[in-house]
């Protein structure tokens, strides 16, 4: 894996963690849901997403609430909130 791909993976993991925190979700609890399959799918979506700049901006500026509409994980995040994960 090249340094660029490693850096992208680390940055996206940080964004996903920050998004979970912003929405008040517990990553450990989300990992327990369905043996972690939904969280793993969300992590892959995040890794492939082209909205990292918008995501980082949203995390910095938005109040807690709903996941941003541009996020490919918005459905996952809202389901997790509904399940209190």
N, C-alpha and C. Protein backbone atom coordinates (compact mmCIF):
# COMPACT_ATOMS: atom_id res chain seq x y z
N UNK A 1 0.86 -1.17 0.00
CA UNK A 1 0.00 0.00 0.00
C UNK A 1 0.91 1.24 0.00
N UNK A 2 0.60 2.18 -0.83
CA UNK A 2 1.42 3.38 -0.90
C UNK A 2 1.08 4.30 0.27
N UNK A 3 1.98 5.24 0.52
CA UNK A 3 1.78 6.18 1.63
C UNK A 3 0.50 6.98 1.44
N UNK A 4 0.15 7.29 0.20
CA UNK A 4 -1.06 8.07 -0.06
C UNK A 4 -2.31 7.29 0.37
N UNK A 5 -2.35 6.01 0.05
CA UNK A 5 -3.50 5.19 0.44
C UNK A 5 -3.57 5.00 1.94
N UNK A 6 -2.41 4.84 2.57
CA UNK A 6 -2.39 4.72 4.04
C UNK A 6 -2.90 6.00 4.70
N UNK A 7 -2.42 7.12 4.19
CA UNK A 7 -2.84 8.40 4.75
C UNK A 7 -4.34 8.60 4.56
N UNK A 8 -4.86 8.23 3.39
CA UNK A 8 -6.30 8.34 3.14
C UNK A 8 -7.08 7.46 4.11
N UNK A 9 -6.62 6.23 4.31
CA UNK A 9 -7.32 5.31 5.21
C UNK A 9 -7.34 5.85 6.64
N UNK A 10 -6.22 6.37 7.10
CA UNK A 10 -6.15 6.94 8.45
C UNK A 10 -7.06 8.15 8.56
N UNK A 11 -7.02 9.03 7.57
CA UNK A 11 -7.86 10.23 7.60
C UNK A 11 -9.34 9.87 7.61
N UNK A 12 -9.73 8.91 6.79
CA UNK A 12 -11.14 8.51 6.76
C UNK A 12 -11.57 7.86 8.06
N UNK A 13 -10.70 7.08 8.67
CA UNK A 13 -11.02 6.48 9.96
C UNK A 13 -11.22 7.57 11.01
N UNK A 14 -10.38 8.60 10.96
CA UNK A 14 -10.53 9.72 11.89
C UNK A 14 -11.85 10.45 11.65
N UNK A 15 -12.19 10.66 10.38
CA UNK A 15 -13.46 11.33 10.07
C UNK A 15 -14.64 10.50 10.55
N UNK A 16 -14.58 9.20 10.33
CA UNK A 16 -15.70 8.35 10.76
C UNK A 16 -15.83 8.37 12.27
N UNK A 17 -14.72 8.31 12.98
CA UNK A 17 -14.77 8.39 14.44
C UNK A 17 -15.33 9.72 14.91
N UNK A 18 -14.91 10.80 14.25
CA UNK A 18 -15.41 12.12 14.62
C UNK A 18 -16.90 12.24 14.33
N UNK A 19 -17.35 11.64 13.23
CA UNK A 19 -18.78 11.67 12.88
C UNK A 19 -19.58 10.91 13.94
N UNK A 20 -19.09 9.74 14.33
CA UNK A 20 -19.79 8.97 15.36
C UNK A 20 -19.86 9.76 16.66
N UNK A 21 -18.75 10.38 17.04
CA UNK A 21 -18.74 11.21 18.25
C UNK A 21 -19.72 12.36 18.14
N UNK A 22 -19.71 13.04 17.01
CA UNK A 22 -20.58 14.20 16.81
C UNK A 22 -22.05 13.83 16.97
N UNK A 23 -22.38 12.62 16.51
CA UNK A 23 -23.77 12.17 16.58
C UNK A 23 -24.09 11.43 17.88
N UNK A 24 -23.10 11.36 18.78
CA UNK A 24 -23.32 10.73 20.07
C UNK A 24 -23.42 9.22 20.00
N UNK A 25 -22.74 8.61 19.04
CA UNK A 25 -22.78 7.16 18.87
C UNK A 25 -21.53 6.52 19.44
N UNK A 26 -21.68 5.36 20.03
CA UNK A 26 -20.58 4.62 20.63
C UNK A 26 -20.06 3.61 19.60
N UNK A 27 -18.83 3.78 19.10
CA UNK A 27 -18.31 2.85 18.10
C UNK A 27 -18.28 1.40 18.59
N UNK A 28 -17.96 1.19 19.85
CA UNK A 28 -17.92 -0.18 20.38
C UNK A 28 -19.30 -0.81 20.35
N UNK A 29 -20.30 -0.04 20.70
CA UNK A 29 -21.67 -0.55 20.68
C UNK A 29 -22.11 -0.80 19.23
N UNK A 30 -21.76 0.11 18.33
CA UNK A 30 -22.12 -0.07 16.91
C UNK A 30 -21.44 -1.31 16.35
N UNK A 31 -20.24 -1.62 16.82
CA UNK A 31 -19.52 -2.80 16.34
C UNK A 31 -20.19 -4.09 16.79
N UNK A 32 -20.96 -4.05 17.86
CA UNK A 32 -21.65 -5.25 18.35
C UNK A 32 -22.91 -5.55 17.54
N UNK A 33 -23.46 -4.56 16.89
CA UNK A 33 -24.69 -4.73 16.11
C UNK A 33 -24.42 -5.65 14.92
N UNK A 34 -25.15 -6.75 14.85
CA UNK A 34 -25.05 -7.71 13.75
C UNK A 34 -23.60 -8.14 13.50
N UNK A 35 -22.88 -8.37 14.60
CA UNK A 35 -21.48 -8.83 14.54
C UNK A 35 -20.57 -7.86 13.79
N UNK A 36 -20.93 -6.59 13.79
CA UNK A 36 -20.08 -5.56 13.20
C UNK A 36 -20.24 -5.36 11.71
N UNK A 37 -21.09 -6.14 11.07
CA UNK A 37 -21.24 -6.04 9.61
C UNK A 37 -21.68 -4.65 9.16
N UNK A 38 -22.70 -4.02 9.78
CA UNK A 38 -23.09 -2.69 9.34
C UNK A 38 -21.98 -1.65 9.52
N UNK A 39 -21.24 -1.74 10.61
CA UNK A 39 -20.14 -0.80 10.83
C UNK A 39 -19.02 -1.02 9.83
N UNK A 40 -18.72 -2.27 9.51
CA UNK A 40 -17.68 -2.56 8.52
C UNK A 40 -18.09 -2.03 7.14
N UNK A 41 -19.35 -2.18 6.78
CA UNK A 41 -19.84 -1.66 5.51
C UNK A 41 -19.74 -0.14 5.50
N UNK A 42 -20.10 0.48 6.61
CA UNK A 42 -20.02 1.94 6.71
C UNK A 42 -18.57 2.41 6.60
N UNK A 43 -17.64 1.68 7.19
CA UNK A 43 -16.22 2.05 7.11
C UNK A 43 -15.73 1.97 5.66
N UNK A 44 -16.16 0.95 4.93
CA UNK A 44 -15.77 0.85 3.51
C UNK A 44 -16.36 2.00 2.71
N UNK A 45 -17.62 2.34 2.97
CA UNK A 45 -18.23 3.47 2.27
C UNK A 45 -17.46 4.75 2.54
N UNK A 46 -17.08 4.94 3.79
CA UNK A 46 -16.34 6.13 4.19
C UNK A 46 -14.99 6.18 3.47
N UNK A 47 -14.32 5.06 3.41
CA UNK A 47 -13.02 5.00 2.75
C UNK A 47 -13.11 5.40 1.28
N UNK A 48 -14.20 5.05 0.63
CA UNK A 48 -14.36 5.31 -0.81
C UNK A 48 -15.07 6.63 -1.11
N UNK A 49 -15.54 7.32 -0.09
CA UNK A 49 -16.31 8.55 -0.28
C UNK A 49 -15.43 9.69 -0.79
N UNK A 50 -16.01 10.50 -1.66
CA UNK A 50 -15.32 11.67 -2.22
C UNK A 50 -15.66 12.97 -1.49
N UNK A 51 -16.36 12.90 -0.38
CA UNK A 51 -16.83 14.08 0.33
C UNK A 51 -16.05 14.38 1.61
N UNK A 52 -14.77 14.00 1.66
CA UNK A 52 -13.99 14.16 2.89
C UNK A 52 -13.89 15.62 3.33
N UNK A 53 -13.73 16.54 2.39
CA UNK A 53 -13.61 17.96 2.75
C UNK A 53 -14.93 18.45 3.35
N UNK A 54 -16.04 18.14 2.68
CA UNK A 54 -17.35 18.55 3.18
C UNK A 54 -17.64 17.87 4.53
N UNK A 55 -17.22 16.64 4.67
CA UNK A 55 -17.43 15.91 5.92
C UNK A 55 -16.69 16.59 7.07
N UNK A 56 -15.42 16.88 6.85
CA UNK A 56 -14.64 17.54 7.89
C UNK A 56 -15.23 18.88 8.28
N UNK A 57 -15.68 19.63 7.28
CA UNK A 57 -16.30 20.93 7.54
C UNK A 57 -17.58 20.76 8.35
N UNK A 58 -18.39 19.77 7.96
CA UNK A 58 -19.66 19.54 8.66
C UNK A 58 -19.38 19.18 10.12
N UNK A 59 -18.40 18.31 10.35
CA UNK A 59 -18.07 17.89 11.71
C UNK A 59 -17.65 19.10 12.56
N UNK A 60 -16.89 20.00 11.99
CA UNK A 60 -16.43 21.18 12.72
C UNK A 60 -17.54 22.18 12.98
N UNK A 61 -18.47 22.33 12.05
CA UNK A 61 -19.42 23.44 12.11
C UNK A 61 -20.82 23.07 12.56
N UNK A 62 -21.25 21.86 12.34
CA UNK A 62 -22.64 21.49 12.61
C UNK A 62 -22.87 21.23 14.10
N UNK A 63 -24.10 21.47 14.50
CA UNK A 63 -24.51 21.07 15.83
C UNK A 63 -24.86 19.59 15.77
N UNK A 64 -24.92 18.96 16.95
CA UNK A 64 -25.37 17.57 16.96
C UNK A 64 -26.76 17.52 16.35
N UNK A 65 -27.05 16.47 15.70
CA UNK A 65 -28.35 16.31 15.06
C UNK A 65 -28.32 15.13 14.13
N UNK A 66 -28.83 15.35 12.95
CA UNK A 66 -28.88 14.28 11.96
C UNK A 66 -27.60 14.24 11.15
N UNK A 67 -27.32 13.08 10.60
CA UNK A 67 -26.18 12.93 9.71
C UNK A 67 -26.39 13.83 8.49
N UNK A 68 -25.31 14.34 7.92
CA UNK A 68 -25.45 15.22 6.77
C UNK A 68 -26.01 14.46 5.56
N UNK A 69 -26.81 15.12 4.75
CA UNK A 69 -27.45 14.44 3.62
C UNK A 69 -26.47 13.95 2.56
N UNK A 70 -25.28 14.55 2.47
CA UNK A 70 -24.31 14.11 1.47
C UNK A 70 -23.59 12.84 1.88
N UNK A 71 -23.72 12.43 3.13
CA UNK A 71 -22.97 11.30 3.66
C UNK A 71 -23.54 9.98 3.14
N UNK A 72 -22.70 9.13 2.53
CA UNK A 72 -23.20 7.83 2.06
C UNK A 72 -23.59 6.90 3.21
N UNK A 73 -23.22 7.26 4.43
CA UNK A 73 -23.59 6.47 5.61
C UNK A 73 -24.74 7.08 6.40
N UNK A 74 -25.41 8.05 5.84
CA UNK A 74 -26.49 8.73 6.58
C UNK A 74 -27.54 7.74 7.09
N UNK A 75 -27.94 6.78 6.26
CA UNK A 75 -28.94 5.80 6.70
C UNK A 75 -28.42 4.95 7.85
N UNK A 76 -27.18 4.48 7.73
CA UNK A 76 -26.58 3.69 8.81
C UNK A 76 -26.52 4.50 10.10
N UNK A 77 -26.07 5.73 10.00
CA UNK A 77 -25.92 6.59 11.18
C UNK A 77 -27.27 6.87 11.84
N UNK A 78 -28.29 7.13 11.04
CA UNK A 78 -29.62 7.39 11.61
C UNK A 78 -30.21 6.14 12.24
N UNK A 79 -29.99 4.96 11.61
CA UNK A 79 -30.45 3.71 12.22
C UNK A 79 -29.75 3.47 13.55
N UNK A 80 -28.44 3.73 13.57
CA UNK A 80 -27.67 3.54 14.81
C UNK A 80 -28.19 4.47 15.90
N UNK A 81 -28.51 5.69 15.53
CA UNK A 81 -29.06 6.63 16.53
C UNK A 81 -30.39 6.12 17.05
N UNK A 82 -31.24 5.60 16.16
CA UNK A 82 -32.54 5.10 16.57
C UNK A 82 -32.41 3.90 17.51
N UNK A 83 -31.35 3.11 17.30
CA UNK A 83 -31.10 1.94 18.16
C UNK A 83 -30.29 2.30 19.40
N UNK A 84 -29.92 3.59 19.53
CA UNK A 84 -29.13 4.08 20.66
C UNK A 84 -27.78 3.37 20.76
N UNK A 85 -27.10 3.25 19.62
CA UNK A 85 -25.79 2.57 19.61
C UNK A 85 -24.69 3.51 19.97
